[in-house]
Amino acid sequence: MELKKILQGIEGIKAKGELNLDILNITNNSKETTKGSMFVAVKGFETDGHNYINEAIKLGAKVIMVEEGADIKEIAKLDEITILVVPDTRKALAIASCNFYDNPSRKFTLVGVTGTKGKTTTTYMIKQILEKQGKKVRLNWNNSSIYKWKKIRRFCKNNTRKYRIAKNICTNGKRKSRCSCYGSIISKFKTR
């Protein structure tokens, strides 16, 4: 897809380089970068995506999107790389991804159910109502029981990434002995 089309709706872009490029992939993970990709450097909880720009360029990224205030002196010297500076790379990545994948969220309706009690009952009632109306429905839900921290560690013991994600979700960055994960429903059906 043409870079200009991908960037539609992103405000405050400052660009250096060619905008008439054909982009084959958008990623914020430098390891997933391929030739012709756009790499978006996002500041994460544990690491900063700006630290992996050189790796993304080595793997073939044609376009690098960075957040305002990032040090781009080193990559600005490279003429073959298009550099995009935006106020918020996380928000820009969301808009660019929607444009790149032809706004998939417009093709279905999403219903989320959260709360303390009654989520499972509510989601199944909504599912039944929509199915009776002839709609295609998909039900997704997270485990809504309370986990003790030891169970999470045991469940994730061989996968450090899964462990970190579970720790962040269930402790909100703090050491708590338990957490409540919430359930949700995704109702996917074509709108008329």
C-alpha atoms as a PDB file:
ATOM      1  CA  MET A   1       0.000   0.000   0.000  1.00  0.00           C
ATOM      2  CA  GLU A   2       1.197   3.519  -0.736  1.00  0.00           C
ATOM      3  CA  LEU A   3       2.681   5.326   2.267  1.00  0.00           C
ATOM      4  CA  LYS A   4       0.549   8.445   1.702  1.00  0.00           C
ATOM      5  CA  LYS A   5      -2.630   6.370   2.103  1.00  0.00           C
ATOM      6  CA  ILE A   6      -1.305   4.706   5.249  1.00  0.00           C
ATOM      7  CA  LEU A   7      -0.628   8.100   6.850  1.00  0.00           C
ATOM      8  CA  GLN A   8      -4.108   9.562   6.250  1.00  0.00           C
ATOM      9  CA  GLY A   9      -5.675  10.795   9.487  1.00  0.00           C
ATOM     10  CA  ILE A  10      -2.408  11.057  11.439  1.00  0.00           C
ATOM     11  CA  GLU A  11      -1.971  14.617  12.636  1.00  0.00           C
ATOM     12  CA  GLY A  12       1.279  16.513  13.200  1.00  0.00           C
ATOM     13  CA  ILE A  13       3.517  14.426  10.906  1.00  0.00           C
ATOM     14  CA  LYS A  14       6.955  15.772  10.050  1.00  0.00           C
ATOM     15  CA  ALA A  15       8.530  13.805   7.214  1.00  0.00           C
ATOM     16  CA  LYS A  16      12.011  13.526   5.739  1.00  0.00           C
ATOM     17  CA  GLY A  17      12.273  11.433   2.614  1.00  0.00           C
ATOM     18  CA  GLU A  18      10.071   9.923  -0.064  1.00  0.00           C
ATOM     19  CA  LEU A  19       6.332   9.523   0.608  1.00  0.00           C
ATOM     20  CA  ASN A  20       5.492   7.776  -2.682  1.00  0.00           C
ATOM     21  CA  LEU A  21       6.683   4.401  -1.412  1.00  0.00           C
ATOM     22  CA  ASP A  22       4.942   1.049  -1.478  1.00  0.00           C
ATOM     23  CA  ILE A  23       4.846  -0.402   2.052  1.00  0.00           C
ATOM     24  CA  LEU A  24       4.550  -4.183   2.405  1.00  0.00           C
ATOM     25  CA  ASN A  25       4.282  -4.472   6.191  1.00  0.00           C
ATOM     26  CA  ILE A  26       3.834  -2.346   9.333  1.00  0.00           C
ATOM     27  CA  THR A  27       5.405  -3.471  12.597  1.00  0.00           C
ATOM     28  CA  ASN A  28       6.549  -2.197  15.966  1.00  0.00           C
ATOM     29  CA  ASN A  29       8.693  -5.304  16.541  1.00  0.00           C
ATOM     30  CA  SER A  30      12.106  -4.959  14.930  1.00  0.00           C
ATOM     31  CA  LYS A  31      12.426  -8.762  14.684  1.00  0.00           C
ATOM     32  CA  GLU A  32       9.341  -8.886  12.434  1.00  0.00           C
ATOM     33  CA  THR A  33      10.702  -6.242  10.063  1.00  0.00           C
ATOM     34  CA  THR A  34      11.097  -7.369   6.467  1.00  0.00           C
ATOM     35  CA  LYS A  35      12.248  -5.687   3.280  1.00  0.00           C
ATOM     36  CA  GLY A  36       9.836  -2.866   2.424  1.00  0.00           C
ATOM     37  CA  SER A  37       8.437  -2.527   5.965  1.00  0.00           C
ATOM     38  CA  MET A  38       7.489   0.485   8.013  1.00  0.00           C
ATOM     39  CA  PHE A  39       8.931   0.228  11.537  1.00  0.00           C
ATOM     40  CA  VAL A  40       7.152   2.202  14.273  1.00  0.00           C
ATOM     41  CA  ALA A  41       9.284   2.874  17.350  1.00  0.00           C
ATOM     42  CA  VAL A  42       6.975   2.761  20.383  1.00  0.00           C
ATOM     43  CA  LYS A  43       8.067   3.438  23.953  1.00  0.00           C
ATOM     44  CA  GLY A  44       7.131   0.343  25.932  1.00  0.00           C
ATOM     45  CA  PHE A  45       6.874  -0.486  29.617  1.00  0.00           C
ATOM     46  CA  GLU A  46      10.235  -2.236  29.775  1.00  0.00           C
ATOM     47  CA  THR A  47      12.108  -1.065  26.686  1.00  0.00           C
ATOM     48  CA  ASP A  48      12.010   1.734  24.142  1.00  0.00           C
ATOM     49  CA  GLY A  49      11.372   0.821  20.503  1.00  0.00           C
ATOM     50  CA  HIS A  50      13.686   3.661  19.468  1.00  0.00           C
ATOM     51  CA  ASN A  51      16.602   1.481  20.631  1.00  0.00           C
ATOM     52  CA  TYR A  52      15.837  -1.017  17.836  1.00  0.00           C
ATOM     53  CA  ILE A  53      15.721   1.336  14.852  1.00  0.00           C
ATOM     54  CA  ASN A  54      19.132   0.268  13.511  1.00  0.00           C
ATOM     55  CA  GLU A  55      18.126  -3.404  13.714  1.00  0.00           C
ATOM     56  CA  ALA A  56      14.923  -2.659  11.756  1.00  0.00           C
ATOM     57  CA  ILE A  57      16.907  -0.813   9.074  1.00  0.00           C
ATOM     58  CA  LYS A  58      19.339  -3.735   8.743  1.00  0.00           C
ATOM     59  CA  LEU A  59      16.365  -6.073   8.219  1.00  0.00           C
ATOM     60  CA  GLY A  60      15.005  -3.905   5.381  1.00  0.00           C
ATOM     61  CA  ALA A  61      12.713  -1.206   6.810  1.00  0.00           C
ATOM     62  CA  LYS A  62      12.145   1.588   4.267  1.00  0.00           C
ATOM     63  CA  VAL A  63      10.222   3.855   6.644  1.00  0.00           C
ATOM     64  CA  ILE A  64      10.893   4.600  10.308  1.00  0.00           C
ATOM     65  CA  MET A  65       8.282   6.339  12.465  1.00  0.00           C
ATOM     66  CA  VAL A  66       9.548   7.933  15.674  1.00  0.00           C
ATOM     67  CA  GLU A  67       8.069  10.005  18.467  1.00  0.00           C
ATOM     68  CA  GLU A  68       8.824  13.708  18.834  1.00  0.00           C
ATOM     69  CA  GLY A  69      11.913  14.248  20.931  1.00  0.00           C
ATOM     70  CA  ALA A  70      13.637  11.055  19.762  1.00  0.00           C
ATOM     71  CA  ASP A  71      17.297  11.309  18.760  1.00  0.00           C
ATOM     72  CA  ILE A  72      17.316  10.693  14.990  1.00  0.00           C
ATOM     73  CA  LYS A  73      20.666  12.277  14.066  1.00  0.00           C
ATOM     74  CA  GLU A  74      22.198   8.931  13.140  1.00  0.00           C
ATOM     75  CA  ILE A  75      19.377   7.726  10.888  1.00  0.00           C
ATOM     76  CA  ALA A  76      18.742  11.199   9.409  1.00  0.00           C
ATOM     77  CA  LYS A  77      22.015  10.779   7.489  1.00  0.00           C
ATOM     78  CA  LEU A  78      20.595   7.813   5.569  1.00  0.00           C
ATOM     79  CA  ASP A  79      19.023   9.094   2.338  1.00  0.00           C
ATOM     80  CA  GLU A  80      17.282   5.826   1.432  1.00  0.00           C
ATOM     81  CA  ILE A  81      15.225   5.792   4.664  1.00  0.00           C
ATOM     82  CA  THR A  82      12.051   7.854   5.075  1.00  0.00           C
ATOM     83  CA  ILE A  83      11.722   9.235   8.596  1.00  0.00           C
ATOM     84  CA  LEU A  84       8.353  10.220  10.048  1.00  0.00           C
ATOM     85  CA  VAL A  85       8.167  12.159  13.310  1.00  0.00           C
ATOM     86  CA  VAL A  86       4.779  12.135  15.071  1.00  0.00           C
ATOM     87  CA  PRO A  87       3.550  13.387  18.469  1.00  0.00           C
ATOM     88  CA  ASP A  88       2.480   9.905  19.651  1.00  0.00           C
ATOM     89  CA  THR A  89       3.739   6.750  17.890  1.00  0.00           C
ATOM     90  CA  ARG A  90       1.290   4.487  19.726  1.00  0.00           C
ATOM     91  CA  LYS A  91      -1.701   6.444  18.397  1.00  0.00           C
ATOM     92  CA  ALA A  92      -0.120   6.821  14.942  1.00  0.00           C
ATOM     93  CA  LEU A  93       0.499   3.050  14.776  1.00  0.00           C
ATOM     94  CA  ALA A  94      -3.186   2.398  15.466  1.00  0.00           C
ATOM     95  CA  ILE A  95      -4.335   4.773  12.708  1.00  0.00           C
ATOM     96  CA  ALA A  96      -1.711   3.549  10.218  1.00  0.00           C
ATOM     97  CA  SER A  97      -2.642  -0.083  10.893  1.00  0.00           C
ATOM     98  CA  CYS A  98      -6.339   0.646  10.346  1.00  0.00           C
ATOM     99  CA  ASN A  99      -5.526   2.293   7.025  1.00  0.00           C
ATOM    100  CA  PHE A 100      -3.124  -0.473   5.959  1.00  0.00           C
ATOM    101  CA  TYR A 101      -5.616  -3.269   6.719  1.00  0.00           C
ATOM    102  CA  ASP A 102      -8.585  -1.386   5.190  1.00  0.00           C
ATOM    103  CA  ASN A 103     -10.267  -0.521   8.516  1.00  0.00           C
ATOM    104  CA  PRO A 104     -11.354  -4.031   9.549  1.00  0.00           C
ATOM    105  CA  SER A 105     -13.282  -2.778  12.588  1.00  0.00           C
ATOM    106  CA  ARG A 106     -15.846  -1.193  10.258  1.00  0.00           C
ATOM    107  CA  LYS A 107     -16.764  -4.650   9.010  1.00  0.00           C
ATOM    108  CA  PHE A 108     -18.053  -5.970  12.342  1.00  0.00           C
ATOM    109  CA  THR A 109     -19.607  -4.816  15.580  1.00  0.00           C
ATOM    110  CA  LEU A 110     -17.733  -5.290  18.831  1.00  0.00           C
ATOM    111  CA  VAL A 111     -19.517  -5.554  22.174  1.00  0.00           C
ATOM    112  CA  GLY A 112     -17.524  -5.664  25.420  1.00  0.00           C
ATOM    113  CA  VAL A 113     -18.913  -6.721  28.784  1.00  0.00           C
ATOM    114  CA  THR A 114     -16.959  -5.992  31.966  1.00  0.00           C
ATOM    115  CA  GLY A 115     -17.839  -5.910  35.612  1.00  0.00           C
ATOM    116  CA  THR A 116     -17.714  -7.848  38.854  1.00  0.00           C
ATOM    117  CA  LYS A 117     -20.594 -10.296  38.482  1.00  0.00           C
ATOM    118  CA  GLY A 118     -22.864 -11.542  35.706  1.00  0.00           C
ATOM    119  CA  LYS A 119     -20.494 -11.243  32.731  1.00  0.00           C
ATOM    120  CA  THR A 120     -20.831 -14.825  31.560  1.00  0.00           C
ATOM    121  CA  THR A 121     -24.620 -14.792  31.836  1.00  0.00           C
ATOM    122  CA  THR A 122     -24.838 -11.454  30.036  1.00  0.00           C
ATOM    123  CA  THR A 123     -22.523 -12.488  27.209  1.00  0.00           C
ATOM    124  CA  TYR A 124     -24.404 -15.722  26.576  1.00  0.00           C
ATOM    125  CA  MET A 125     -27.736 -13.859  26.606  1.00  0.00           C
ATOM    126  CA  ILE A 126     -26.420 -11.331  24.068  1.00  0.00           C
ATOM    127  CA  LYS A 127     -25.056 -14.180  21.953  1.00  0.00           C
ATOM    128  CA  GLN A 128     -28.416 -15.982  21.939  1.00  0.00           C
ATOM    129  CA  ILE A 129     -30.345 -12.827  21.041  1.00  0.00           C
ATOM    130  CA  LEU A 130     -28.034 -12.005  18.135  1.00  0.00           C
ATOM    131  CA  GLU A 131     -28.020 -15.575  16.831  1.00  0.00           C
ATOM    132  CA  LYS A 132     -31.840 -15.657  16.905  1.00  0.00           C
ATOM    133  CA  GLN A 133     -31.736 -12.579  14.672  1.00  0.00           C
ATOM    134  CA  GLY A 134     -29.554 -14.492  12.186  1.00  0.00           C
ATOM    135  CA  LYS A 135     -26.299 -12.731  13.053  1.00  0.00           C
ATOM    136  CA  LYS A 136     -22.926 -14.460  13.079  1.00  0.00           C
ATOM    137  CA  VAL A 137     -21.550 -14.241  16.602  1.00  0.00           C
ATOM    138  CA  ARG A 138     -18.209 -15.145  18.094  1.00  0.00           C
ATOM    139  CA  LEU A 139     -17.798 -15.328  21.847  1.00  0.00           C
ATOM    140  CA  ASN A 140     -14.370 -14.746  23.376  1.00  0.00           C
ATOM    141  CA  TRP A 141     -13.804 -14.555  27.070  1.00  0.00           C
ATOM    142  CA  ASN A 142     -10.928 -14.442  29.510  1.00  0.00           C
ATOM    143  CA  ASN A 143     -10.830 -16.589  32.588  1.00  0.00           C
ATOM    144  CA  SER A 144     -12.839 -14.593  35.103  1.00  0.00           C
ATOM    145  CA  SER A 145     -11.660 -16.342  38.242  1.00  0.00           C
ATOM    146  CA  ILE A 146      -9.229 -14.928  40.762  1.00  0.00           C
ATOM    147  CA  TYR A 147      -5.660 -16.091  40.338  1.00  0.00           C
ATOM    148  CA  LYS A 148      -3.095 -16.284  43.057  1.00  0.00           C
ATOM    149  CA  TRP A 149       0.321 -14.998  42.054  1.00  0.00           C
ATOM    150  CA  LYS A 150       1.910 -18.461  42.500  1.00  0.00           C
ATOM    151  CA  LYS A 151      -0.509 -19.994  39.992  1.00  0.00           C
ATOM    152  CA  ILE A 152       0.393 -17.363  37.421  1.00  0.00           C
ATOM    153  CA  ARG A 153       4.111 -18.016  37.911  1.00  0.00           C
ATOM    154  CA  ARG A 154       3.586 -21.778  37.581  1.00  0.00           C
ATOM    155  CA  PHE A 155       1.447 -21.341  34.450  1.00  0.00           C
ATOM    156  CA  CYS A 156       4.006 -19.085  32.765  1.00  0.00           C
ATOM    157  CA  LYS A 157       7.227 -20.616  34.103  1.00  0.00           C
ATOM    158  CA  ASN A 158       8.701 -21.579  30.711  1.00  0.00           C
ATOM    159  CA  ASN A 159       7.609 -18.474  28.823  1.00  0.00           C
ATOM    160  CA  THR A 160       9.111 -15.242  30.168  1.00  0.00           C
ATOM    161  CA  ARG A 161       7.108 -13.009  27.799  1.00  0.00           C
ATOM    162  CA  LYS A 162       3.812 -14.577  28.924  1.00  0.00           C
ATOM    163  CA  TYR A 163       4.979 -14.250  32.536  1.00  0.00           C
ATOM    164  CA  ARG A 164       5.725 -10.505  32.165  1.00  0.00           C
ATOM    165  CA  ILE A 165       2.385  -9.857  30.476  1.00  0.00           C
ATOM    166  CA  ALA A 166       0.481 -11.767  33.171  1.00  0.00           C
ATOM    167  CA  LYS A 167       2.433  -9.958  35.882  1.00  0.00           C
ATOM    168  CA  ASN A 168       1.622  -6.543  34.390  1.00  0.00           C
ATOM    169  CA  ILE A 169      -2.045  -7.363  33.867  1.00  0.00           C
ATOM    170  CA  CYS A 170      -2.648  -8.986  37.216  1.00  0.00           C
ATOM    171  CA  THR A 171      -0.506  -6.827  39.448  1.00  0.00           C
ATOM    172  CA  ASN A 172      -0.665  -3.552  37.542  1.00  0.00           C
ATOM    173  CA  GLY A 173       3.085  -3.328  38.062  1.00  0.00           C
ATOM    174  CA  LYS A 174       2.812  -3.824  41.848  1.00  0.00           C
ATOM    175  CA  ARG A 175       3.322  -7.005  43.861  1.00  0.00           C
ATOM    176  CA  LYS A 176      -0.165  -8.092  44.877  1.00  0.00           C
ATOM    177  CA  SER A 177      -1.094 -11.609  45.888  1.00  0.00           C
ATOM    178  CA  ARG A 178      -4.133 -11.834  43.642  1.00  0.00           C
ATOM    179  CA  CYS A 179      -6.015 -10.160  40.857  1.00  0.00           C
ATOM    180  CA  SER A 180      -9.353 -10.315  39.134  1.00  0.00           C
ATOM    181  CA  CYS A 181      -9.286 -10.740  35.375  1.00  0.00           C
ATOM    182  CA  TYR A 182     -12.404  -9.664  33.549  1.00  0.00           C
ATOM    183  CA  GLY A 183     -14.409 -11.407  30.857  1.00  0.00           C
ATOM    184  CA  SER A 184     -15.490  -9.978  27.550  1.00  0.00           C
ATOM    185  CA  ILE A 185     -17.544 -10.828  24.504  1.00  0.00           C
ATOM    186  CA  ILE A 186     -16.628 -10.081  20.953  1.00  0.00           C
ATOM    187  CA  SER A 187     -19.692 -10.149  18.762  1.00  0.00           C
ATOM    188  CA  LYS A 188     -18.650 -10.337  15.174  1.00  0.00           C
ATOM    189  CA  PHE A 189     -21.306 -10.007  12.553  1.00  0.00           C
ATOM    190  CA  LYS A 190     -21.696  -8.118   9.336  1.00  0.00           C
ATOM    191  CA  THR A 191     -23.533  -4.832   9.567  1.00  0.00           C
ATOM    192  CA  ARG A 192     -26.062  -4.052   6.892  1.00  0.00           C
END
